């Protein structure tokens, strides 16, 4: 198993986490750009991309790369943000500014089209609205020490960094009904030969 991230700090954290979980001998982490993966064609049985492609302007190139390194008959899975309903211009601008998203957030249909162009078929789609209750249950996957470390780092940044304080203040101005428009989708497609 191999994990990639473009940032060295994230690779260091991933290695720490793998060691803490006792799986460091089962996974390798590499610094790599998801739009230009350093792997030969058809190497993996499955490729998973979670909350990364939304932030990449050339989403098609990223999904094409995921498909390229997946063997024929293998699967590519995405877990990415989507617009569930057509957003107002204010919501679009808020999402881009708040989460540093440089390009548009796709709809579920947009993601399906992108996967299809990459040669993926039998595409399965499951969409979700954001739910505070459901998201809170995800805390179970973290150790208490991880949560305290995250809270400590956030507090330290807030105290020491004026730009971070401004960043946090901005997040208090969430447009009404944002989370009834913005959600996420899980998309899984099977790699097949592209026939033209």
N, C-alpha and C. Protein backbone atom coordinates (compact mmCIF):
# COMPACT_ATOMS: atom_id res chain seq x y z
N UNK A 1 0.85 -1.16 0.00
CA UNK A 1 0.00 0.00 0.00
C UNK A 1 0.90 1.23 0.00
N UNK A 2 0.49 2.24 -0.79
CA UNK A 2 1.27 3.47 -0.91
C UNK A 2 0.33 4.65 -0.75
N UNK A 3 0.76 5.66 0.02
CA UNK A 3 0.02 6.90 0.15
C UNK A 3 0.88 8.05 -0.34
N UNK A 4 0.25 9.04 -0.99
CA UNK A 4 1.00 10.18 -1.48
C UNK A 4 0.37 11.48 -1.01
N UNK A 5 1.20 12.49 -0.87
CA UNK A 5 0.74 13.85 -0.60
C UNK A 5 1.79 14.78 -1.17
N UNK A 6 1.38 15.95 -1.58
CA UNK A 6 2.32 16.90 -2.19
C UNK A 6 3.16 17.62 -1.14
N UNK A 7 2.71 17.58 0.13
CA UNK A 7 3.41 18.30 1.19
C UNK A 7 4.22 17.35 2.07
N UNK A 8 5.48 17.71 2.27
CA UNK A 8 6.39 16.90 3.09
C UNK A 8 5.88 16.77 4.53
N UNK A 9 5.28 17.85 5.06
CA UNK A 9 4.78 17.81 6.44
C UNK A 9 3.67 16.78 6.60
N UNK A 10 2.83 16.63 5.59
CA UNK A 10 1.75 15.64 5.65
C UNK A 10 2.30 14.22 5.59
N UNK A 11 3.36 14.02 4.82
CA UNK A 11 4.01 12.70 4.76
C UNK A 11 4.62 12.36 6.11
N UNK A 12 5.24 13.35 6.76
CA UNK A 12 5.81 13.12 8.09
C UNK A 12 4.73 12.74 9.08
N UNK A 13 3.59 13.44 9.03
CA UNK A 13 2.47 13.10 9.92
C UNK A 13 1.92 11.72 9.63
N UNK A 14 1.81 11.38 8.36
CA UNK A 14 1.30 10.05 7.99
C UNK A 14 2.21 8.95 8.51
N UNK A 15 3.51 9.16 8.40
CA UNK A 15 4.47 8.18 8.93
C UNK A 15 4.34 8.05 10.45
N UNK A 16 4.17 9.19 11.13
CA UNK A 16 3.96 9.15 12.59
C UNK A 16 2.72 8.34 12.93
N UNK A 17 1.66 8.61 12.21
CA UNK A 17 0.38 7.93 12.49
C UNK A 17 0.49 6.43 12.22
N UNK A 18 1.14 6.06 11.13
CA UNK A 18 1.31 4.64 10.80
C UNK A 18 2.11 3.94 11.88
N UNK A 19 3.13 4.62 12.38
CA UNK A 19 3.95 4.03 13.45
C UNK A 19 3.13 3.87 14.73
N UNK A 20 2.34 4.89 15.06
CA UNK A 20 1.50 4.85 16.25
C UNK A 20 0.47 3.70 16.15
N UNK A 21 -0.03 3.46 14.94
CA UNK A 21 -1.03 2.40 14.74
C UNK A 21 -0.39 1.02 14.52
N UNK A 22 0.94 0.98 14.43
CA UNK A 22 1.64 -0.29 14.25
C UNK A 22 1.53 -0.87 12.85
N UNK A 23 1.34 -0.01 11.84
CA UNK A 23 1.20 -0.50 10.47
C UNK A 23 2.30 0.04 9.56
N UNK A 24 3.38 0.57 10.16
CA UNK A 24 4.44 1.20 9.36
C UNK A 24 5.10 0.25 8.37
N UNK A 25 5.04 -1.06 8.61
CA UNK A 25 5.63 -2.02 7.67
C UNK A 25 4.66 -2.42 6.56
N UNK A 26 3.43 -1.92 6.62
CA UNK A 26 2.42 -2.29 5.63
C UNK A 26 2.12 -1.18 4.63
N UNK A 27 2.68 0.00 4.87
CA UNK A 27 2.38 1.14 4.00
C UNK A 27 3.63 2.00 3.81
N UNK A 28 3.71 2.59 2.64
CA UNK A 28 4.81 3.50 2.30
C UNK A 28 4.19 4.84 1.91
N UNK A 29 4.79 5.93 2.34
CA UNK A 29 4.30 7.26 1.99
C UNK A 29 5.35 7.97 1.15
N UNK A 30 4.89 8.65 0.10
CA UNK A 30 5.78 9.38 -0.80
C UNK A 30 5.26 10.78 -1.06
N UNK A 31 6.19 11.70 -1.25
CA UNK A 31 5.82 13.04 -1.70
C UNK A 31 5.58 12.94 -3.20
N UNK A 32 4.39 13.34 -3.62
CA UNK A 32 4.06 13.28 -5.05
C UNK A 32 2.87 14.18 -5.34
N UNK A 33 2.82 14.65 -6.58
CA UNK A 33 1.70 15.44 -7.07
C UNK A 33 0.69 14.47 -7.67
N UNK A 34 -0.54 14.53 -7.23
CA UNK A 34 -1.57 13.61 -7.71
C UNK A 34 -1.86 13.78 -9.20
N UNK A 35 -1.47 14.92 -9.77
CA UNK A 35 -1.65 15.13 -11.20
C UNK A 35 -0.52 14.54 -12.03
N UNK A 36 0.53 14.05 -11.37
CA UNK A 36 1.70 13.49 -12.06
C UNK A 36 2.30 12.40 -11.17
N UNK A 37 1.58 11.31 -11.03
CA UNK A 37 1.98 10.25 -10.10
C UNK A 37 3.23 9.52 -10.57
N UNK A 38 4.17 9.24 -9.67
CA UNK A 38 5.45 8.61 -10.03
C UNK A 38 5.36 7.08 -10.06
N UNK A 39 4.34 6.56 -10.74
CA UNK A 39 4.13 5.12 -10.79
C UNK A 39 3.89 4.68 -12.23
N UNK A 40 4.26 3.45 -12.52
CA UNK A 40 4.02 2.90 -13.86
C UNK A 40 2.52 2.68 -14.05
N UNK A 41 2.13 2.52 -15.30
CA UNK A 41 0.73 2.25 -15.62
C UNK A 41 0.26 0.95 -14.98
N UNK A 42 -1.02 0.91 -14.63
CA UNK A 42 -1.71 -0.31 -14.20
C UNK A 42 -1.04 -1.02 -13.03
N UNK A 43 -0.55 -0.27 -12.06
CA UNK A 43 0.18 -0.84 -10.93
C UNK A 43 -0.73 -1.27 -9.78
N UNK A 44 -1.79 -0.51 -9.53
CA UNK A 44 -2.60 -0.71 -8.33
C UNK A 44 -3.94 -1.36 -8.63
N UNK A 45 -4.45 -2.12 -7.66
CA UNK A 45 -5.80 -2.69 -7.77
C UNK A 45 -6.85 -1.62 -7.51
N UNK A 46 -6.53 -0.66 -6.66
CA UNK A 46 -7.47 0.42 -6.33
C UNK A 46 -6.68 1.68 -5.99
N UNK A 47 -7.28 2.82 -6.33
CA UNK A 47 -6.72 4.13 -6.00
C UNK A 47 -7.84 4.93 -5.35
N UNK A 48 -7.54 5.52 -4.20
CA UNK A 48 -8.53 6.31 -3.46
C UNK A 48 -8.01 7.73 -3.30
N UNK A 49 -8.88 8.68 -3.57
CA UNK A 49 -8.54 10.11 -3.43
C UNK A 49 -9.62 10.73 -2.55
N UNK A 50 -9.21 11.29 -1.41
CA UNK A 50 -10.20 11.85 -0.49
C UNK A 50 -9.92 13.32 -0.23
N UNK A 51 -10.91 14.16 -0.60
CA UNK A 51 -10.87 15.60 -0.33
C UNK A 51 -9.57 16.24 -0.81
N UNK A 52 -9.17 15.86 -2.02
CA UNK A 52 -7.99 16.43 -2.66
C UNK A 52 -8.37 17.02 -4.01
N UNK A 53 -9.08 16.26 -4.81
CA UNK A 53 -9.40 16.68 -6.18
C UNK A 53 -10.21 17.97 -6.22
N UNK A 54 -11.02 18.21 -5.21
CA UNK A 54 -11.82 19.45 -5.16
C UNK A 54 -10.91 20.67 -5.22
N UNK A 55 -9.72 20.57 -4.63
CA UNK A 55 -8.83 21.72 -4.51
C UNK A 55 -7.91 21.88 -5.73
N UNK A 56 -7.97 20.93 -6.65
CA UNK A 56 -7.10 20.94 -7.83
C UNK A 56 -7.87 21.54 -9.00
N UNK A 57 -7.25 22.49 -9.68
CA UNK A 57 -7.94 23.13 -10.80
C UNK A 57 -8.18 22.14 -11.95
N UNK A 58 -7.16 21.36 -12.31
CA UNK A 58 -7.30 20.42 -13.42
C UNK A 58 -7.74 19.05 -12.87
N UNK A 59 -9.00 18.96 -12.52
CA UNK A 59 -9.55 17.73 -11.94
C UNK A 59 -9.47 16.56 -12.92
N UNK A 60 -9.67 16.85 -14.19
CA UNK A 60 -9.63 15.78 -15.18
C UNK A 60 -8.25 15.13 -15.23
N UNK A 61 -7.21 15.94 -15.20
CA UNK A 61 -5.85 15.40 -15.22
C UNK A 61 -5.59 14.51 -14.00
N UNK A 62 -6.05 14.96 -12.83
CA UNK A 62 -5.87 14.18 -11.61
C UNK A 62 -6.58 12.82 -11.71
N UNK A 63 -7.83 12.83 -12.15
CA UNK A 63 -8.58 11.57 -12.26
C UNK A 63 -7.98 10.69 -13.35
N UNK A 64 -7.52 11.29 -14.44
CA UNK A 64 -6.85 10.50 -15.49
C UNK A 64 -5.62 9.78 -14.92
N UNK A 65 -4.86 10.48 -14.06
CA UNK A 65 -3.68 9.86 -13.45
C UNK A 65 -4.08 8.71 -12.53
N UNK A 66 -5.13 8.91 -11.75
CA UNK A 66 -5.60 7.83 -10.88
C UNK A 66 -5.99 6.61 -11.71
N UNK A 67 -6.67 6.85 -12.82
CA UNK A 67 -7.08 5.75 -13.70
C UNK A 67 -5.86 5.10 -14.36
N UNK A 68 -4.89 5.91 -14.75
CA UNK A 68 -3.70 5.38 -15.44
C UNK A 68 -2.95 4.37 -14.58
N UNK A 69 -2.83 4.66 -13.28
CA UNK A 69 -2.03 3.78 -12.43
C UNK A 69 -2.86 2.62 -11.86
N UNK A 70 -4.13 2.53 -12.24
CA UNK A 70 -5.02 1.45 -11.80
C UNK A 70 -5.07 0.39 -12.89
N UNK A 71 -4.96 -0.87 -12.49
CA UNK A 71 -5.00 -1.97 -13.47
C UNK A 71 -6.39 -2.06 -14.10
N UNK A 72 -6.46 -2.66 -15.29
CA UNK A 72 -7.75 -2.91 -15.92
C UNK A 72 -8.58 -3.79 -14.99
N UNK A 73 -9.82 -3.41 -14.76
CA UNK A 73 -10.67 -4.13 -13.84
C UNK A 73 -10.57 -3.62 -12.42
N UNK A 74 -9.59 -2.75 -12.14
CA UNK A 74 -9.43 -2.18 -10.81
C UNK A 74 -10.36 -0.98 -10.62
N UNK A 75 -10.30 -0.39 -9.44
CA UNK A 75 -11.25 0.66 -9.09
C UNK A 75 -10.56 1.96 -8.68
N UNK A 76 -11.21 3.07 -9.03
CA UNK A 76 -10.82 4.39 -8.56
C UNK A 76 -11.98 4.92 -7.73
N UNK A 77 -11.67 5.39 -6.52
CA UNK A 77 -12.70 5.95 -5.64
C UNK A 77 -12.35 7.36 -5.24
N UNK A 78 -13.35 8.23 -5.28
CA UNK A 78 -13.19 9.61 -4.86
C UNK A 78 -14.18 9.91 -3.75
N UNK A 79 -13.74 10.68 -2.76
CA UNK A 79 -14.63 11.21 -1.73
C UNK A 79 -14.39 12.71 -1.76
N UNK A 80 -15.29 13.44 -2.42
CA UNK A 80 -15.04 14.86 -2.70
C UNK A 80 -16.27 15.73 -2.47
N UNK A 81 -16.02 17.01 -2.26
CA UNK A 81 -17.08 17.97 -2.06
C UNK A 81 -17.90 18.14 -3.34
N UNK A 82 -19.19 18.41 -3.15
CA UNK A 82 -20.09 18.67 -4.28
C UNK A 82 -21.11 19.73 -3.89
N UNK A 83 -21.66 20.37 -4.92
CA UNK A 83 -22.85 21.19 -4.72
C UNK A 83 -24.04 20.26 -4.89
N UNK A 84 -24.87 20.15 -3.85
CA UNK A 84 -26.08 19.33 -3.90
C UNK A 84 -27.20 20.11 -4.57
N UNK A 85 -27.24 21.42 -4.30
CA UNK A 85 -28.20 22.32 -4.93
C UNK A 85 -27.41 23.47 -5.54
N UNK A 86 -28.00 24.12 -6.52
CA UNK A 86 -27.33 25.25 -7.15
C UNK A 86 -27.11 26.35 -6.12
N UNK A 87 -25.86 26.75 -5.91
CA UNK A 87 -25.56 27.75 -4.87
C UNK A 87 -25.71 29.17 -5.40
N UNK A 88 -25.86 30.10 -4.47
CA UNK A 88 -25.84 31.52 -4.84
C UNK A 88 -24.39 31.91 -5.10
N UNK A 89 -24.21 33.05 -5.76
CA UNK A 89 -22.85 33.55 -6.01
C UNK A 89 -22.12 33.80 -4.69
N UNK A 90 -22.86 34.24 -3.66
CA UNK A 90 -22.27 34.49 -2.34
C UNK A 90 -21.73 33.19 -1.74
N UNK A 91 -22.48 32.09 -1.88
CA UNK A 91 -22.03 30.80 -1.35
C UNK A 91 -20.78 30.31 -2.08
N UNK A 92 -20.78 30.45 -3.39
CA UNK A 92 -19.62 30.01 -4.19
C UNK A 92 -18.39 30.79 -3.76
N UNK A 93 -18.52 32.10 -3.63
CA UNK A 93 -17.39 32.94 -3.24
C UNK A 93 -16.92 32.60 -1.82
N UNK A 94 -17.85 32.38 -0.91
CA UNK A 94 -17.50 32.03 0.46
C UNK A 94 -16.72 30.71 0.50
N UNK A 95 -17.21 29.69 -0.20
CA UNK A 95 -16.55 28.39 -0.21
C UNK A 95 -15.14 28.49 -0.79
N UNK A 96 -14.99 29.21 -1.88
CA UNK A 96 -13.66 29.36 -2.50
C UNK A 96 -12.69 30.07 -1.55
N UNK A 97 -13.15 31.14 -0.94
CA UNK A 97 -12.30 31.93 -0.05
C UNK A 97 -11.99 31.17 1.24
N UNK A 98 -13.00 30.55 1.82
CA UNK A 98 -12.85 29.90 3.12
C UNK A 98 -11.99 28.65 3.05
N UNK A 99 -12.16 27.84 2.03
CA UNK A 99 -11.43 26.58 1.95
C UNK A 99 -10.32 26.61 0.91
N UNK A 100 -9.97 27.81 0.43
CA UNK A 100 -8.87 27.99 -0.54
C UNK A 100 -9.06 27.08 -1.76
N UNK A 101 -10.28 27.05 -2.26
CA UNK A 101 -10.58 26.27 -3.46
C UNK A 101 -10.44 27.21 -4.66
N UNK A 102 -9.47 26.94 -5.52
CA UNK A 102 -9.17 27.84 -6.62
C UNK A 102 -10.12 27.67 -7.81
N UNK A 103 -10.72 26.49 -7.93
CA UNK A 103 -11.61 26.24 -9.06
C UNK A 103 -13.02 25.98 -8.55
N UNK A 104 -13.91 25.72 -9.47
CA UNK A 104 -15.30 25.48 -9.08
C UNK A 104 -15.45 24.12 -8.40
N UNK A 105 -16.39 24.07 -7.45
CA UNK A 105 -16.75 22.80 -6.83
C UNK A 105 -17.74 22.11 -7.79
N UNK A 106 -17.46 20.89 -8.19
CA UNK A 106 -18.35 20.21 -9.14
C UNK A 106 -19.65 19.75 -8.49
N UNK A 107 -20.61 19.43 -9.32
CA UNK A 107 -21.80 18.71 -8.89
C UNK A 107 -21.51 17.22 -9.01
N UNK A 108 -22.41 16.38 -8.53
CA UNK A 108 -22.23 14.93 -8.67
C UNK A 108 -22.16 14.55 -10.15
N UNK A 109 -23.00 15.17 -10.98
CA UNK A 109 -22.97 14.87 -12.42
C UNK A 109 -21.63 15.25 -13.05
N UNK A 110 -21.04 16.36 -12.59
CA UNK A 110 -19.72 16.77 -13.09
C UNK A 110 -18.68 15.70 -12.78
N UNK A 111 -18.68 15.19 -11.52
CA UNK A 111 -17.71 14.16 -11.14
C UNK A 111 -17.91 12.90 -11.97
N UNK A 112 -19.15 12.50 -12.20
CA UNK A 112 -19.42 11.30 -13.01
C UNK A 112 -18.87 11.49 -14.42
N UNK A 113 -19.07 12.68 -14.99
CA UNK A 113 -18.55 12.96 -16.33
C UNK A 113 -17.03 12.86 -16.34
N UNK A 114 -16.37 13.44 -15.33
CA UNK A 114 -14.90 13.41 -15.24
C UNK A 114 -14.40 11.97 -15.16
N UNK A 115 -15.03 11.15 -14.33
CA UNK A 115 -14.63 9.74 -14.21
C UNK A 115 -14.85 9.00 -15.52
N UNK A 116 -15.95 9.28 -16.20
CA UNK A 116 -16.23 8.63 -17.49
C UNK A 116 -15.19 8.97 -18.54
N UNK A 117 -14.80 10.24 -18.61
CA UNK A 117 -13.77 10.66 -19.57
C UNK A 117 -12.45 9.95 -19.29
N UNK A 118 -12.18 9.65 -18.02
CA UNK A 118 -10.94 8.96 -17.64
C UNK A 118 -10.99 7.46 -17.95
N UNK A 119 -12.10 6.99 -18.52
CA UNK A 119 -12.19 5.58 -18.88
C UNK A 119 -12.77 4.70 -17.79
N UNK A 120 -13.38 5.30 -16.79
CA UNK A 120 -13.97 4.52 -15.70
C UNK A 120 -15.44 4.25 -16.02
N UNK A 121 -15.87 3.04 -15.74
CA UNK A 121 -17.24 2.63 -16.04
C UNK A 121 -17.88 2.04 -14.80
N UNK A 122 -19.14 1.65 -14.91
CA UNK A 122 -19.88 1.08 -13.77
C UNK A 122 -19.76 2.01 -12.56
N UNK A 123 -19.95 3.29 -12.79
CA UNK A 123 -19.72 4.29 -11.74
C UNK A 123 -20.87 4.27 -10.72
N UNK A 124 -20.49 4.15 -9.47
CA UNK A 124 -21.43 4.17 -8.36
C UNK A 124 -21.30 5.51 -7.65
N UNK A 125 -22.44 6.10 -7.30
CA UNK A 125 -22.45 7.42 -6.69
C UNK A 125 -23.30 7.39 -5.42
N UNK A 126 -22.77 7.95 -4.36
CA UNK A 126 -23.53 8.14 -3.12
C UNK A 126 -23.25 9.55 -2.63
N UNK A 127 -24.30 10.37 -2.50
CA UNK A 127 -24.10 11.75 -2.07
C UNK A 127 -24.65 11.95 -0.66
N UNK A 128 -24.06 12.92 0.03
CA UNK A 128 -24.42 13.21 1.41
C UNK A 128 -24.46 14.72 1.63
N UNK A 129 -25.43 15.18 2.40
CA UNK A 129 -25.39 16.53 2.93
C UNK A 129 -24.51 16.48 4.16
N UNK A 130 -23.89 17.60 4.49
CA UNK A 130 -23.11 17.65 5.72
C UNK A 130 -24.06 17.58 6.91
N UNK A 131 -23.70 16.77 7.88
CA UNK A 131 -24.52 16.61 9.08
C UNK A 131 -23.59 16.67 10.29
N UNK A 132 -23.82 17.65 11.16
CA UNK A 132 -22.97 17.79 12.35
C UNK A 132 -23.01 16.52 13.19
N UNK A 133 -24.16 15.90 13.31
CA UNK A 133 -24.28 14.68 14.11
C UNK A 133 -23.43 13.55 13.51
N UNK A 134 -23.53 13.36 12.19
CA UNK A 134 -22.76 12.29 11.55
C UNK A 134 -21.27 12.58 11.60
N UNK A 135 -20.90 13.84 11.38
CA UNK A 135 -19.48 14.20 11.41
C UNK A 135 -18.90 13.99 12.80
N UNK A 136 -19.69 14.27 13.85
CA UNK A 136 -19.22 14.09 15.22
C UNK A 136 -18.89 12.63 15.51
N UNK A 137 -19.59 11.70 14.88
CA UNK A 137 -19.31 10.28 15.11
C UNK A 137 -17.95 9.88 14.54
N UNK A 138 -17.43 10.69 13.61
CA UNK A 138 -16.13 10.38 13.01
C UNK A 138 -14.98 10.58 14.00
N UNK A 139 -15.25 11.29 15.10
CA UNK A 139 -14.21 11.50 16.10
C UNK A 139 -13.73 10.19 16.72
N UNK A 140 -14.55 9.14 16.62
CA UNK A 140 -14.18 7.85 17.19
C UNK A 140 -12.89 7.30 16.57
N UNK A 141 -12.62 7.68 15.34
CA UNK A 141 -11.44 7.14 14.67
C UNK A 141 -10.14 7.79 15.15
N UNK A 142 -10.26 8.86 15.93
CA UNK A 142 -9.08 9.55 16.44
C UNK A 142 -8.82 9.17 17.89
N UNK A 143 -7.56 9.15 18.25
CA UNK A 143 -7.19 8.95 19.65
C UNK A 143 -7.40 10.27 20.39
N UNK A 144 -7.67 10.19 21.66
CA UNK A 144 -7.86 11.38 22.48
C UNK A 144 -6.63 12.29 22.40
N UNK A 145 -5.45 11.69 22.36
CA UNK A 145 -4.23 12.49 22.27
C UNK A 145 -4.18 13.28 20.95
N UNK A 146 -4.71 12.69 19.86
CA UNK A 146 -4.76 13.40 18.57
C UNK A 146 -5.67 14.62 18.65
N UNK A 147 -6.81 14.45 19.32
CA UNK A 147 -7.76 15.55 19.45
C UNK A 147 -7.16 16.68 20.28
N UNK A 148 -6.51 16.32 21.40
CA UNK A 148 -5.88 17.35 22.23
C UNK A 148 -4.76 18.06 21.49
N UNK A 149 -3.98 17.30 20.71
CA UNK A 149 -2.89 17.92 19.94
C UNK A 149 -3.45 18.90 18.91
N UNK A 150 -4.55 18.51 18.25
CA UNK A 150 -5.18 19.38 17.27
C UNK A 150 -5.70 20.66 17.94
N UNK A 151 -6.38 20.50 19.08
CA UNK A 151 -6.91 21.67 19.79
C UNK A 151 -5.77 22.57 20.28
N UNK A 152 -4.70 21.97 20.78
CA UNK A 152 -3.55 22.73 21.25
C UNK A 152 -2.93 23.54 20.10
N UNK A 153 -2.73 22.89 18.96
CA UNK A 153 -2.13 23.58 17.81
C UNK A 153 -3.02 24.72 17.32
N UNK A 154 -4.34 24.48 17.33
CA UNK A 154 -5.28 25.52 16.90
C UNK A 154 -5.22 26.72 17.84
N UNK A 155 -5.24 26.45 19.14
CA UNK A 155 -5.17 27.52 20.13
C UNK A 155 -3.86 28.29 20.02
N UNK A 156 -2.77 27.58 19.86
CA UNK A 156 -1.45 28.22 19.72
C UNK A 156 -1.42 29.12 18.49
N UNK A 157 -1.93 28.63 17.37
CA UNK A 157 -1.99 29.44 16.16
C UNK A 157 -2.85 30.68 16.38
N UNK A 158 -3.97 30.50 17.05
CA UNK A 158 -4.88 31.61 17.28
C UNK A 158 -4.21 32.70 18.12
N UNK A 159 -3.47 32.30 19.12
CA UNK A 159 -2.80 33.26 20.01
C UNK A 159 -1.64 33.95 19.31
N UNK A 160 -0.86 33.21 18.54
CA UNK A 160 0.40 33.74 17.99
C UNK A 160 0.29 34.35 16.59
N UNK A 161 -0.76 34.01 15.85
CA UNK A 161 -0.78 34.36 14.43
C UNK A 161 -2.00 35.22 14.09
N UNK A 162 -1.80 36.51 13.83
CA UNK A 162 -2.93 37.39 13.49
C UNK A 162 -3.67 36.94 12.23
N UNK A 163 -2.95 36.42 11.25
CA UNK A 163 -3.59 35.97 10.02
C UNK A 163 -4.53 34.78 10.30
N UNK A 164 -4.12 33.91 11.21
CA UNK A 164 -4.98 32.77 11.58
C UNK A 164 -6.22 33.26 12.31
N UNK A 165 -6.06 34.28 13.18
CA UNK A 165 -7.23 34.84 13.87
C UNK A 165 -8.23 35.39 12.87
N UNK A 166 -7.73 36.08 11.86
CA UNK A 166 -8.61 36.62 10.81
C UNK A 166 -9.28 35.49 10.04
N UNK A 167 -8.51 34.46 9.74
CA UNK A 167 -9.03 33.27 9.05
C UNK A 167 -10.19 32.67 9.85
N UNK A 168 -10.04 32.53 11.17
CA UNK A 168 -11.08 31.96 12.01
C UNK A 168 -12.29 32.90 12.13
N UNK A 169 -12.05 34.19 12.20
CA UNK A 169 -13.17 35.15 12.26
C UNK A 169 -14.02 35.06 11.00
N UNK A 170 -13.37 34.90 9.87
CA UNK A 170 -14.07 34.81 8.58
C UNK A 170 -15.02 33.60 8.57
N UNK A 171 -14.64 32.53 9.24
CA UNK A 171 -15.44 31.32 9.24
C UNK A 171 -16.72 31.44 10.06
N UNK A 172 -16.82 32.51 10.83
CA UNK A 172 -18.05 32.73 11.61
C UNK A 172 -19.16 33.34 10.77
N UNK A 173 -18.85 33.77 9.56
CA UNK A 173 -19.82 34.45 8.69
C UNK A 173 -20.36 33.48 7.63
N UNK A 174 -20.72 32.30 8.03
CA UNK A 174 -21.19 31.28 7.09
C UNK A 174 -22.52 31.72 6.48
N UNK A 175 -22.63 31.70 5.15
CA UNK A 175 -23.90 32.05 4.52
C UNK A 175 -25.02 31.11 4.98
N UNK A 176 -26.19 31.69 5.14
CA UNK A 176 -27.36 30.90 5.55
C UNK A 176 -27.59 29.77 4.55
N UNK A 177 -27.88 28.60 5.04
CA UNK A 177 -28.21 27.42 4.22
C UNK A 177 -27.03 26.86 3.42
N UNK A 178 -25.80 27.28 3.76
CA UNK A 178 -24.65 26.75 3.01
C UNK A 178 -24.64 25.22 3.02
N UNK A 179 -24.84 24.63 4.19
CA UNK A 179 -24.69 23.19 4.28
C UNK A 179 -25.91 22.41 3.78
N UNK A 180 -26.94 23.11 3.34
CA UNK A 180 -28.01 22.40 2.63
C UNK A 180 -27.71 22.41 1.13
N UNK A 181 -26.72 23.20 0.72
CA UNK A 181 -26.29 23.25 -0.68
C UNK A 181 -25.00 22.48 -0.91
N UNK A 182 -24.10 22.53 0.07
CA UNK A 182 -22.78 21.91 -0.07
C UNK A 182 -22.77 20.58 0.66
N UNK A 183 -22.27 19.56 0.00
CA UNK A 183 -22.16 18.25 0.62
C UNK A 183 -20.94 17.54 0.08
N UNK A 184 -20.98 16.23 0.09
CA UNK A 184 -19.89 15.48 -0.50
C UNK A 184 -20.44 14.22 -1.14
N UNK A 185 -19.64 13.69 -2.03
CA UNK A 185 -20.06 12.49 -2.75
C UNK A 185 -18.94 11.46 -2.75
N UNK A 186 -19.35 10.22 -2.74
CA UNK A 186 -18.42 9.10 -2.92
C UNK A 186 -18.69 8.54 -4.30
N UNK A 187 -17.64 8.49 -5.11
CA UNK A 187 -17.74 8.05 -6.50
C UNK A 187 -16.75 6.92 -6.71
N UNK A 188 -17.22 5.80 -7.23
CA UNK A 188 -16.34 4.66 -7.49
C UNK A 188 -16.59 4.22 -8.92
N UNK A 189 -15.48 4.11 -9.68
CA UNK A 189 -15.57 3.65 -11.06
C UNK A 189 -14.56 2.54 -11.32
N UNK A 190 -14.90 1.69 -12.27
CA UNK A 190 -14.05 0.54 -12.63
C UNK A 190 -13.31 0.89 -13.91
N UNK A 191 -12.01 0.63 -13.92
CA UNK A 191 -11.19 0.97 -15.09
C UNK A 191 -11.39 -0.03 -16.20
N UNK A 192 -11.69 0.49 -17.37
CA UNK A 192 -11.82 -0.32 -18.57
C UNK A 192 -11.09 0.37 -19.70
N UNK A 193 -10.84 -0.35 -20.75
CA UNK A 193 -10.20 0.26 -21.91
C UNK A 193 -11.15 1.29 -22.51
N UNK A 194 -10.58 2.41 -22.94
CA UNK A 194 -11.38 3.42 -23.61
C UNK A 194 -11.48 3.04 -25.08
N UNK A 195 -12.70 2.88 -25.55
CA UNK A 195 -12.90 2.58 -26.97
C UNK A 195 -13.36 3.84 -27.66
N UNK A 196 -12.68 4.17 -28.72
CA UNK A 196 -13.02 5.43 -29.44
C UNK A 196 -13.46 5.09 -30.84
